[in-house]
Amino acid sequence: MSAFRRRLPLGDRTTTAVLVAAAVSVAYSLVVLGYSLLPSSGVSISGTLWHAVAIQSAFALGTVGVPVFLWLRADLKSPAVLLAAILLFWHVLVEFPPIGSGQGDSPGFLFVFVFAPVYVLAYALLAAGEYWIGKRDVSIPV
């Protein structure tokens, strides 16, 4: 990753990070919509498909795109770790009866999108903490 950052100027690195984050957000939304369109999912989409893609992509940008952007642009990995925990919880652990009902993970997709503002706040706090800790001189004098 560091070699990638050294080759691109600051403006190009930011543009690349924004484009990749937007593409990942749209891709995640399309995967969710693809699952929702399966007859066995029991999920219905109200309104047009294009509105659903636009709205879910906007929420996915907050949930999935922000950690990808922070990782690519500023090399901050803690938001990506939180993203992995969020996706693991809502898509895997909710499926099993101790936590979930075992009836499918379509509600998990909803909560990944609905709590996007909370996730953005958590990403910002983690990124600020990682940045602050990374800037501190924690070396032990000999």
C-alpha atoms as a PDB file:
ATOM      1  CA  MET A   1       0.000   0.000   0.000  1.00  0.00           C
ATOM      2  CA  SER A   2       2.758   2.482   0.785  1.00  0.00           C
ATOM      3  CA  ALA A   3       4.282   2.048  -2.685  1.00  0.00           C
ATOM      4  CA  PHE A   4       0.888   2.891  -4.160  1.00  0.00           C
ATOM      5  CA  ARG A   5       0.749   6.088  -2.117  1.00  0.00           C
ATOM      6  CA  ARG A   6       4.259   7.186  -3.081  1.00  0.00           C
ATOM      7  CA  ARG A   7       3.556   6.943  -6.798  1.00  0.00           C
ATOM      8  CA  LEU A   8       0.424   9.101  -6.793  1.00  0.00           C
ATOM      9  CA  PRO A   9       0.407  12.823  -5.979  1.00  0.00           C
ATOM     10  CA  LEU A  10      -1.866  13.977  -3.162  1.00  0.00           C
ATOM     11  CA  GLY A  11      -4.718  15.130  -5.430  1.00  0.00           C
ATOM     12  CA  ASP A  12      -4.662  11.940  -7.487  1.00  0.00           C
ATOM     13  CA  ARG A  13      -4.591   9.812  -4.340  1.00  0.00           C
ATOM     14  CA  THR A  14      -7.675  11.586  -3.004  1.00  0.00           C
ATOM     15  CA  THR A  15      -9.504  11.228  -6.311  1.00  0.00           C
ATOM     16  CA  THR A  16      -8.626   7.545  -6.504  1.00  0.00           C
ATOM     17  CA  ALA A  17      -9.760   6.967  -2.908  1.00  0.00           C
ATOM     18  CA  VAL A  18     -13.095   8.708  -3.544  1.00  0.00           C
ATOM     19  CA  LEU A  19     -13.719   6.737  -6.743  1.00  0.00           C
ATOM     20  CA  VAL A  20     -12.848   3.397  -5.150  1.00  0.00           C
ATOM     21  CA  ALA A  21     -15.003   4.151  -2.086  1.00  0.00           C
ATOM     22  CA  ALA A  22     -17.955   5.101  -4.309  1.00  0.00           C
ATOM     23  CA  ALA A  23     -17.498   1.989  -6.461  1.00  0.00           C
ATOM     24  CA  VAL A  24     -17.347  -0.287  -3.403  1.00  0.00           C
ATOM     25  CA  SER A  25     -20.492   1.367  -2.004  1.00  0.00           C
ATOM     26  CA  VAL A  26     -22.437   0.890  -5.239  1.00  0.00           C
ATOM     27  CA  ALA A  27     -21.188  -2.703  -5.547  1.00  0.00           C
ATOM     28  CA  TYR A  28     -22.287  -3.501  -1.994  1.00  0.00           C
ATOM     29  CA  SER A  29     -25.709  -1.951  -2.690  1.00  0.00           C
ATOM     30  CA  LEU A  30     -26.084  -4.021  -5.856  1.00  0.00           C
ATOM     31  CA  VAL A  31     -25.205  -7.206  -3.963  1.00  0.00           C
ATOM     32  CA  VAL A  32     -27.825  -6.367  -1.337  1.00  0.00           C
ATOM     33  CA  LEU A  33     -30.428  -5.602  -4.008  1.00  0.00           C
ATOM     34  CA  GLY A  34     -29.518  -8.782  -5.866  1.00  0.00           C
ATOM     35  CA  TYR A  35     -30.141 -10.767  -2.709  1.00  0.00           C
ATOM     36  CA  SER A  36     -33.376  -8.855  -2.064  1.00  0.00           C
ATOM     37  CA  LEU A  37     -34.707  -9.709  -5.518  1.00  0.00           C
ATOM     38  CA  LEU A  38     -34.442 -13.446  -4.883  1.00  0.00           C
ATOM     39  CA  PRO A  39     -37.898 -14.935  -4.279  1.00  0.00           C
ATOM     40  CA  SER A  40     -36.644 -16.830  -1.237  1.00  0.00           C
ATOM     41  CA  SER A  41     -35.445 -13.668   0.552  1.00  0.00           C
ATOM     42  CA  GLY A  42     -38.923 -12.397   1.432  1.00  0.00           C
ATOM     43  CA  VAL A  43     -37.762  -8.785   0.992  1.00  0.00           C
ATOM     44  CA  SER A  44     -39.770  -6.353  -1.095  1.00  0.00           C
ATOM     45  CA  ILE A  45     -38.561  -3.084  -2.563  1.00  0.00           C
ATOM     46  CA  SER A  46     -40.976  -0.187  -2.495  1.00  0.00           C
ATOM     47  CA  GLY A  47     -40.613   2.362  -5.258  1.00  0.00           C
ATOM     48  CA  THR A  48     -38.476   2.022  -8.336  1.00  0.00           C
ATOM     49  CA  LEU A  49     -35.307  -0.006  -8.504  1.00  0.00           C
ATOM     50  CA  TRP A  50     -33.282   3.103  -9.396  1.00  0.00           C
ATOM     51  CA  HIS A  51     -34.470   4.923  -6.284  1.00  0.00           C
ATOM     52  CA  ALA A  52     -33.563   1.912  -4.165  1.00  0.00           C
ATOM     53  CA  VAL A  53     -30.067   1.783  -5.705  1.00  0.00           C
ATOM     54  CA  ALA A  54     -29.538   5.513  -5.147  1.00  0.00           C
ATOM     55  CA  ILE A  55     -30.763   5.537  -1.545  1.00  0.00           C
ATOM     56  CA  GLN A  56     -28.955   2.364  -0.550  1.00  0.00           C
ATOM     57  CA  SER A  57     -25.762   3.526  -2.253  1.00  0.00           C
ATOM     58  CA  ALA A  58     -25.875   6.773  -0.272  1.00  0.00           C
ATOM     59  CA  PHE A  59     -26.225   4.852   2.989  1.00  0.00           C
ATOM     60  CA  ALA A  60     -23.603   2.339   1.853  1.00  0.00           C
ATOM     61  CA  LEU A  61     -21.235   5.232   1.214  1.00  0.00           C
ATOM     62  CA  GLY A  62     -21.488   6.031   4.921  1.00  0.00           C
ATOM     63  CA  THR A  63     -21.213   2.430   6.045  1.00  0.00           C
ATOM     64  CA  VAL A  64     -18.796   0.878   3.545  1.00  0.00           C
ATOM     65  CA  GLY A  65     -17.293   3.789   1.612  1.00  0.00           C
ATOM     66  CA  VAL A  66     -15.956   5.866   4.506  1.00  0.00           C
ATOM     67  CA  PRO A  67     -13.641   3.145   5.900  1.00  0.00           C
ATOM     68  CA  VAL A  68     -12.395   2.311   2.402  1.00  0.00           C
ATOM     69  CA  PHE A  69     -11.667   5.996   1.767  1.00  0.00           C
ATOM     70  CA  LEU A  70      -9.867   6.404   5.104  1.00  0.00           C
ATOM     71  CA  TRP A  71      -7.751   3.340   4.447  1.00  0.00           C
ATOM     72  CA  LEU A  72      -6.768   4.355   0.912  1.00  0.00           C
ATOM     73  CA  ARG A  73      -6.316   8.064   1.574  1.00  0.00           C
ATOM     74  CA  ALA A  74      -4.870   8.240   5.085  1.00  0.00           C
ATOM     75  CA  ASP A  75      -3.763   4.652   5.750  1.00  0.00           C
ATOM     76  CA  LEU A  76      -6.075   4.433   8.779  1.00  0.00           C
ATOM     77  CA  LYS A  77      -7.044   0.813   9.352  1.00  0.00           C
ATOM     78  CA  SER A  78      -9.171   0.932  12.522  1.00  0.00           C
ATOM     79  CA  PRO A  79     -12.352   2.040  10.678  1.00  0.00           C
ATOM     80  CA  ALA A  80     -11.909  -0.925   8.296  1.00  0.00           C
ATOM     81  CA  VAL A  81     -11.640  -3.271  11.280  1.00  0.00           C
ATOM     82  CA  LEU A  82     -14.907  -1.849  12.640  1.00  0.00           C
ATOM     83  CA  LEU A  83     -16.484  -2.269   9.184  1.00  0.00           C
ATOM     84  CA  ALA A  84     -15.450  -5.933   9.164  1.00  0.00           C
ATOM     85  CA  ALA A  85     -16.980  -6.391  12.626  1.00  0.00           C
ATOM     86  CA  ILE A  86     -20.211  -4.688  11.523  1.00  0.00           C
ATOM     87  CA  LEU A  87     -20.550  -6.827   8.412  1.00  0.00           C
ATOM     88  CA  LEU A  88     -19.648  -9.987  10.326  1.00  0.00           C
ATOM     89  CA  PHE A  89     -22.288  -9.234  12.944  1.00  0.00           C
ATOM     90  CA  TRP A  90     -25.158  -8.246  10.641  1.00  0.00           C
ATOM     91  CA  HIS A  91     -24.539 -10.809   7.895  1.00  0.00           C
ATOM     92  CA  VAL A  92     -23.206 -13.837   9.755  1.00  0.00           C
ATOM     93  CA  LEU A  93     -23.878 -13.786  13.485  1.00  0.00           C
ATOM     94  CA  VAL A  94     -27.489 -12.604  13.148  1.00  0.00           C
ATOM     95  CA  GLU A  95     -28.184 -15.799  11.204  1.00  0.00           C
ATOM     96  CA  PHE A  96     -27.559 -18.039  14.214  1.00  0.00           C
ATOM     97  CA  PRO A  97     -30.219 -18.543  16.926  1.00  0.00           C
ATOM     98  CA  PRO A  98     -28.353 -17.276  20.004  1.00  0.00           C
ATOM     99  CA  ILE A  99     -28.354 -13.790  18.474  1.00  0.00           C
ATOM    100  CA  GLY A 100     -30.776 -13.994  15.555  1.00  0.00           C
ATOM    101  CA  SER A 101     -33.855 -15.943  14.656  1.00  0.00           C
ATOM    102  CA  GLY A 102     -32.240 -18.144  12.042  1.00  0.00           C
ATOM    103  CA  GLN A 103     -34.810 -16.951   9.501  1.00  0.00           C
ATOM    104  CA  GLY A 104     -32.385 -15.249   7.132  1.00  0.00           C
ATOM    105  CA  ASP A 105     -30.219 -12.177   7.061  1.00  0.00           C
ATOM    106  CA  SER A 106     -32.414  -9.697   5.218  1.00  0.00           C
ATOM    107  CA  PRO A 107     -32.904  -7.602   8.398  1.00  0.00           C
ATOM    108  CA  GLY A 108     -29.119  -7.510   8.664  1.00  0.00           C
ATOM    109  CA  PHE A 109     -28.934  -5.687   5.355  1.00  0.00           C
ATOM    110  CA  LEU A 110     -31.412  -3.142   6.666  1.00  0.00           C
ATOM    111  CA  PHE A 111     -29.428  -2.443   9.832  1.00  0.00           C
ATOM    112  CA  VAL A 112     -26.193  -2.062   7.894  1.00  0.00           C
ATOM    113  CA  PHE A 113     -27.850   0.831   6.054  1.00  0.00           C
ATOM    114  CA  VAL A 114     -30.038   2.304   8.809  1.00  0.00           C
ATOM    115  CA  PHE A 115     -27.240   2.812  11.319  1.00  0.00           C
ATOM    116  CA  ALA A 116     -24.919   4.475   8.765  1.00  0.00           C
ATOM    117  CA  PRO A 117     -24.821   7.825  10.648  1.00  0.00           C
ATOM    118  CA  VAL A 118     -23.811   6.024  13.853  1.00  0.00           C
ATOM    119  CA  TYR A 119     -21.144   4.092  11.974  1.00  0.00           C
ATOM    120  CA  VAL A 120     -19.742   7.290  10.423  1.00  0.00           C
ATOM    121  CA  LEU A 121     -19.426   8.804  13.905  1.00  0.00           C
ATOM    122  CA  ALA A 122     -17.695   5.655  15.183  1.00  0.00           C
ATOM    123  CA  TYR A 123     -15.354   5.666  12.159  1.00  0.00           C
ATOM    124  CA  ALA A 124     -14.482   9.305  12.825  1.00  0.00           C
ATOM    125  CA  LEU A 125     -13.703   8.617  16.483  1.00  0.00           C
ATOM    126  CA  LEU A 126     -11.574   5.574  15.641  1.00  0.00           C
ATOM    127  CA  ALA A 127      -9.751   7.413  12.853  1.00  0.00           C
ATOM    128  CA  ALA A 128      -9.052  10.394  15.117  1.00  0.00           C
ATOM    129  CA  GLY A 129      -7.763   8.095  17.838  1.00  0.00           C
ATOM    130  CA  GLU A 130      -5.561   6.147  15.434  1.00  0.00           C
ATOM    131  CA  TYR A 131      -4.234   9.371  13.919  1.00  0.00           C
ATOM    132  CA  TRP A 132      -3.529  10.858  17.347  1.00  0.00           C
ATOM    133  CA  ILE A 133      -1.777   7.723  18.607  1.00  0.00           C
ATOM    134  CA  GLY A 134       0.219   7.496  15.377  1.00  0.00           C
ATOM    135  CA  LYS A 135       1.456  11.081  15.752  1.00  0.00           C
ATOM    136  CA  ARG A 136       2.587  10.667  19.360  1.00  0.00           C
ATOM    137  CA  ASP A 137       6.179   9.853  20.124  1.00  0.00           C
ATOM    138  CA  VAL A 138       5.887   6.743  22.258  1.00  0.00           C
ATOM    139  CA  SER A 139       9.524   5.712  22.114  1.00  0.00           C
ATOM    140  CA  ILE A 140      11.184   4.884  25.400  1.00  0.00           C
ATOM    141  CA  PRO A 141      14.339   6.894  26.066  1.00  0.00           C
ATOM    142  CA  VAL A 142      17.388   4.738  26.655  1.00  0.00           C
END
